[in-house]
Each structure stands twice: as structure tokens, then as C-alpha cells.
């Protein structure tokens, strides 16, 4: 099998089967599981309800957890308070949704470098996309 890039860490690895897209590094496996759970919560109402009930039951059994956590971690609690103040200010002064500019830039490449021919993997770092293998061939501007 051909090596492919891991969507989490962008390193190339040889998958064990055609369905494996993440490498075996523990951090990458955590990312894979988090993505799976996010998709499952969005698409399966029964799973989402089960998770909600589980969290509710855990919170009933551990009512003082967050109070104790903030006492044990004052630097994290302070950081969270500061960041929440910033989020609140941004929310109060946010522009209309139509004026928000996206992150991805989809402009065409204007350079005429001839050395780009070959096969490449496009590995997204911001957008939610799978890695895609592409072939780039240069086309002469003035054919002979």
C-alpha cells in the first residue's frame, strides 16, 4: 500500500487497510476519536441524549467538582476569566455576519514557476477536508 499523510500530524504512514486515515500516534488517535464523537453527536440523536444523561448523572455524583477544580488550579481559572471577558466584548461588538471574512484564501497561483510539475498531497490545516492527492502539470502560455 502507498503511504498517505495523517490528517492530524501531516506525517506520511502506510495504512494497515484502505479505511485507515490516521496514523497510530496517540495524539492522532485522540484527534480521530474526537472527530468521530463530534460527527456522532451531530448525526445521532440517541447517542447525543445518552451522552447528555451520562454527563448529568456524573455531575449529580460530583456536585462540587468545578468549585474544587478552580481552587486547585487558580491560574487556569484566572486565564479562563480573562478569556471569557474578551469573548464577551467581541460578542457585544461583533460585525454583521455578512461582513465577516473567511479564513481560507482560494486565489489562483499567479507565479510562472515551471518546477511545480509532479504529484502532491493537499493536506488541510484549517478547513474540514480530507487529504487529496493531486497531479500538477504546467501548461505553456504560448504554445509553439
C-alpha atoms as a PDB file:
ATOM      1  CA  UNK A   1       0.000   0.000   0.000  1.00  0.00           C
ATOM      2  CA  UNK A   2       1.118   3.565  -0.735  1.00  0.00           C
ATOM      3  CA  UNK A   3       1.988   5.895   2.154  1.00  0.00           C
ATOM      4  CA  UNK A   4      -0.546   8.639   2.905  1.00  0.00           C
ATOM      5  CA  UNK A   5      -0.473  11.761   5.104  1.00  0.00           C
ATOM      6  CA  UNK A   6      -2.107  11.696   8.527  1.00  0.00           C
ATOM      7  CA  UNK A   7      -4.786  14.443   8.742  1.00  0.00           C
ATOM      8  CA  UNK A   8      -3.766  15.213  12.337  1.00  0.00           C
ATOM      9  CA  UNK A   9       0.040  15.459  12.200  1.00  0.00           C
ATOM     10  CA  UNK A  10       0.686  15.545   8.394  1.00  0.00           C
ATOM     11  CA  UNK A  11       3.345  12.818   8.587  1.00  0.00           C
ATOM     12  CA  UNK A  12       3.224  10.080   5.974  1.00  0.00           C
ATOM     13  CA  UNK A  13       2.489   6.498   7.072  1.00  0.00           C
ATOM     14  CA  UNK A  14       1.496   3.211   5.485  1.00  0.00           C
ATOM     15  CA  UNK A  15      -2.122   2.369   6.398  1.00  0.00           C
ATOM     16  CA  UNK A  16      -2.989  -1.168   7.527  1.00  0.00           C
ATOM     17  CA  UNK A  17      -6.163  -1.150   5.425  1.00  0.00           C
ATOM     18  CA  UNK A  18      -7.945   1.132   2.972  1.00  0.00           C
ATOM     19  CA  UNK A  19     -10.153   2.631   5.706  1.00  0.00           C
ATOM     20  CA  UNK A  20      -7.300   3.825   7.963  1.00  0.00           C
ATOM     21  CA  UNK A  21      -6.666   7.538   7.542  1.00  0.00           C
ATOM     22  CA  UNK A  22      -4.947   8.465  10.848  1.00  0.00           C
ATOM     23  CA  UNK A  23      -1.526   7.206  11.937  1.00  0.00           C
ATOM     24  CA  UNK A  24      -1.078   5.222  15.172  1.00  0.00           C
ATOM     25  CA  UNK A  25       0.388   8.051  17.274  1.00  0.00           C
ATOM     26  CA  UNK A  26      -1.667   8.503  20.480  1.00  0.00           C
ATOM     27  CA  UNK A  27      -2.334  12.203  19.786  1.00  0.00           C
ATOM     28  CA  UNK A  28      -3.585  11.413  16.290  1.00  0.00           C
ATOM     29  CA  UNK A  29      -5.822   8.646  17.625  1.00  0.00           C
ATOM     30  CA  UNK A  30      -7.296  11.100  20.175  1.00  0.00           C
ATOM     31  CA  UNK A  31      -7.990  13.519  17.310  1.00  0.00           C
ATOM     32  CA  UNK A  32      -9.628  10.720  15.295  1.00  0.00           C
ATOM     33  CA  UNK A  33     -11.843   9.729  18.222  1.00  0.00           C
ATOM     34  CA  UNK A  34     -12.789  13.364  18.943  1.00  0.00           C
ATOM     35  CA  UNK A  35     -13.806  13.874  15.293  1.00  0.00           C
ATOM     36  CA  UNK A  36     -15.816  10.652  15.335  1.00  0.00           C
ATOM     37  CA  UNK A  37     -17.603  11.688  18.516  1.00  0.00           C
ATOM     38  CA  UNK A  38     -18.340  15.172  17.159  1.00  0.00           C
ATOM     39  CA  UNK A  39     -19.861  13.675  13.997  1.00  0.00           C
ATOM     40  CA  UNK A  40     -21.790  11.087  16.030  1.00  0.00           C
ATOM     41  CA  UNK A  41     -23.234  13.780  18.315  1.00  0.00           C
ATOM     42  CA  UNK A  42     -24.312  15.801  15.276  1.00  0.00           C
ATOM     43  CA  UNK A  43     -25.916  12.892  13.421  1.00  0.00           C
ATOM     44  CA  UNK A  44     -27.290  10.525  16.093  1.00  0.00           C
ATOM     45  CA  UNK A  45     -29.913  11.989  18.472  1.00  0.00           C
ATOM     46  CA  UNK A  46     -29.962   8.807  20.605  1.00  0.00           C
ATOM     47  CA  UNK A  47     -26.199   8.938  21.141  1.00  0.00           C
ATOM     48  CA  UNK A  48     -26.414  12.645  21.969  1.00  0.00           C
ATOM     49  CA  UNK A  49     -29.167  12.008  24.524  1.00  0.00           C
ATOM     50  CA  UNK A  50     -27.163   9.164  26.076  1.00  0.00           C
ATOM     51  CA  UNK A  51     -24.130  11.433  26.431  1.00  0.00           C
ATOM     52  CA  UNK A  52     -26.268  14.180  27.979  1.00  0.00           C
ATOM     53  CA  UNK A  53     -27.783  11.779  30.512  1.00  0.00           C
ATOM     54  CA  UNK A  54     -24.353  10.364  31.338  1.00  0.00           C
ATOM     55  CA  UNK A  55     -22.953  13.851  31.971  1.00  0.00           C
ATOM     56  CA  UNK A  56     -25.977  14.771  34.082  1.00  0.00           C
ATOM     57  CA  UNK A  57     -25.581  11.630  36.213  1.00  0.00           C
ATOM     58  CA  UNK A  58     -21.838  12.260  36.657  1.00  0.00           C
ATOM     59  CA  UNK A  59     -22.485  15.869  37.701  1.00  0.00           C
ATOM     60  CA  UNK A  60     -25.066  14.719  40.266  1.00  0.00           C
ATOM     61  CA  UNK A  61     -22.462  12.332  41.743  1.00  0.00           C
ATOM     62  CA  UNK A  62     -19.730  15.049  41.721  1.00  0.00           C
ATOM     63  CA  UNK A  63     -21.561  18.316  42.561  1.00  0.00           C
ATOM     64  CA  UNK A  64     -18.511  20.266  43.790  1.00  0.00           C
ATOM     65  CA  UNK A  65     -16.130  19.232  41.006  1.00  0.00           C
ATOM     66  CA  UNK A  66     -15.816  22.624  39.284  1.00  0.00           C
ATOM     67  CA  UNK A  67     -15.504  24.545  42.554  1.00  0.00           C
ATOM     68  CA  UNK A  68     -12.682  22.214  43.679  1.00  0.00           C
ATOM     69  CA  UNK A  69     -11.061  22.366  40.242  1.00  0.00           C
ATOM     70  CA  UNK A  70     -10.913  26.179  40.322  1.00  0.00           C
ATOM     71  CA  UNK A  71      -9.435  26.075  43.837  1.00  0.00           C
ATOM     72  CA  UNK A  72      -6.766  23.541  42.744  1.00  0.00           C
ATOM     73  CA  UNK A  73      -5.947  25.440  39.521  1.00  0.00           C
ATOM     74  CA  UNK A  74      -6.163  29.191  40.210  1.00  0.00           C
ATOM     75  CA  UNK A  75      -4.010  30.083  37.177  1.00  0.00           C
ATOM     76  CA  UNK A  76      -6.350  28.225  34.812  1.00  0.00           C
ATOM     77  CA  UNK A  77      -9.413  29.768  36.448  1.00  0.00           C
ATOM     78  CA  UNK A  78      -7.894  33.247  36.094  1.00  0.00           C
ATOM     79  CA  UNK A  79      -6.972  32.607  32.474  1.00  0.00           C
ATOM     80  CA  UNK A  80     -10.480  31.399  31.729  1.00  0.00           C
ATOM     81  CA  UNK A  81     -11.993  34.510  33.345  1.00  0.00           C
ATOM     82  CA  UNK A  82      -9.755  36.764  31.240  1.00  0.00           C
ATOM     83  CA  UNK A  83     -10.570  34.922  28.016  1.00  0.00           C
ATOM     84  CA  UNK A  84     -14.283  34.974  28.837  1.00  0.00           C
ATOM     85  CA  UNK A  85     -14.146  38.754  29.242  1.00  0.00           C
ATOM     86  CA  UNK A  86     -12.553  39.013  25.789  1.00  0.00           C
ATOM     87  CA  UNK A  87     -15.201  36.705  24.274  1.00  0.00           C
ATOM     88  CA  UNK A  88     -17.963  38.773  25.878  1.00  0.00           C
ATOM     89  CA  UNK A  89     -16.503  42.009  24.485  1.00  0.00           C
ATOM     90  CA  UNK A  90     -16.174  40.503  21.000  1.00  0.00           C
ATOM     91  CA  UNK A  91     -19.762  39.285  21.113  1.00  0.00           C
ATOM     92  CA  UNK A  92     -21.032  42.762  22.070  1.00  0.00           C
ATOM     93  CA  UNK A  93     -19.076  44.467  19.285  1.00  0.00           C
ATOM     94  CA  UNK A  94     -19.240  41.803  16.573  1.00  0.00           C
ATOM     95  CA  UNK A  95     -19.943  42.935  12.987  1.00  0.00           C
ATOM     96  CA  UNK A  96     -22.895  41.728  10.986  1.00  0.00           C
ATOM     97  CA  UNK A  97     -22.412  38.121   9.784  1.00  0.00           C
ATOM     98  CA  UNK A  98     -22.337  39.251   6.132  1.00  0.00           C
ATOM     99  CA  UNK A  99     -19.204  41.352   6.794  1.00  0.00           C
ATOM    100  CA  UNK A 100     -17.179  38.500   8.295  1.00  0.00           C
ATOM    101  CA  UNK A 101     -14.296  37.452   6.037  1.00  0.00           C
ATOM    102  CA  UNK A 102     -13.425  33.743   5.874  1.00  0.00           C
ATOM    103  CA  UNK A 103     -10.069  32.190   6.730  1.00  0.00           C
ATOM    104  CA  UNK A 104      -9.370  30.241   3.545  1.00  0.00           C
ATOM    105  CA  UNK A 105      -7.910  32.071   0.565  1.00  0.00           C
ATOM    106  CA  UNK A 106      -8.851  30.455  -2.700  1.00  0.00           C
ATOM    107  CA  UNK A 107      -6.958  32.715  -5.173  1.00  0.00           C
ATOM    108  CA  UNK A 108      -5.253  31.135  -8.133  1.00  0.00           C
ATOM    109  CA  UNK A 109      -1.464  30.979  -8.094  1.00  0.00           C
ATOM    110  CA  UNK A 110      -0.057  33.667 -10.381  1.00  0.00           C
ATOM    111  CA  UNK A 111       3.614  32.684 -10.471  1.00  0.00           C
ATOM    112  CA  UNK A 112       5.021  31.083 -13.616  1.00  0.00           C
ATOM    113  CA  UNK A 113       7.452  28.737 -11.903  1.00  0.00           C
ATOM    114  CA  UNK A 114       7.885  25.688 -14.142  1.00  0.00           C
ATOM    115  CA  UNK A 115       9.189  23.360 -11.408  1.00  0.00           C
ATOM    116  CA  UNK A 116       5.781  22.601  -9.885  1.00  0.00           C
ATOM    117  CA  UNK A 117       5.035  19.606 -12.089  1.00  0.00           C
ATOM    118  CA  UNK A 118       4.567  16.398 -10.130  1.00  0.00           C
ATOM    119  CA  UNK A 119       2.333  14.661  -7.608  1.00  0.00           C
ATOM    120  CA  UNK A 120       1.435  16.357  -4.348  1.00  0.00           C
ATOM    121  CA  UNK A 121      -0.748  15.768  -1.313  1.00  0.00           C
ATOM    122  CA  UNK A 122      -3.017  18.652  -0.326  1.00  0.00           C
ATOM    123  CA  UNK A 123      -3.272  18.375   3.463  1.00  0.00           C
ATOM    124  CA  UNK A 124      -5.761  20.841   5.007  1.00  0.00           C
ATOM    125  CA  UNK A 125      -4.778  22.580   8.218  1.00  0.00           C
ATOM    126  CA  UNK A 126      -7.832  24.803   8.806  1.00  0.00           C
ATOM    127  CA  UNK A 127     -10.775  23.630   6.710  1.00  0.00           C
ATOM    128  CA  UNK A 128     -12.621  20.363   7.313  1.00  0.00           C
ATOM    129  CA  UNK A 129     -11.449  18.338   4.331  1.00  0.00           C
ATOM    130  CA  UNK A 130      -9.734  15.040   3.675  1.00  0.00           C
ATOM    131  CA  UNK A 131      -6.224  14.983   2.237  1.00  0.00           C
ATOM    132  CA  UNK A 132      -6.295  14.767  -1.547  1.00  0.00           C
ATOM    133  CA  UNK A 133      -3.587  13.514  -3.890  1.00  0.00           C
ATOM    134  CA  UNK A 134      -3.276  15.715  -6.981  1.00  0.00           C
ATOM    135  CA  UNK A 135      -1.100  15.845 -10.081  1.00  0.00           C
ATOM    136  CA  UNK A 136       0.131  19.247 -11.230  1.00  0.00           C
ATOM    137  CA  UNK A 137       1.356  19.761 -14.767  1.00  0.00           C
ATOM    138  CA  UNK A 138       2.494  23.116 -16.105  1.00  0.00           C
ATOM    139  CA  UNK A 139       0.888  24.393 -19.286  1.00  0.00           C
ATOM    140  CA  UNK A 140       2.902  26.691 -21.530  1.00  0.00           C
ATOM    141  CA  UNK A 141       1.348  30.119 -22.014  1.00  0.00           C
ATOM    142  CA  UNK A 142       2.364  30.477 -25.687  1.00  0.00           C
ATOM    143  CA  UNK A 143       2.384  27.057 -27.321  1.00  0.00           C
ATOM    144  CA  UNK A 144       4.952  26.737 -30.150  1.00  0.00           C
END
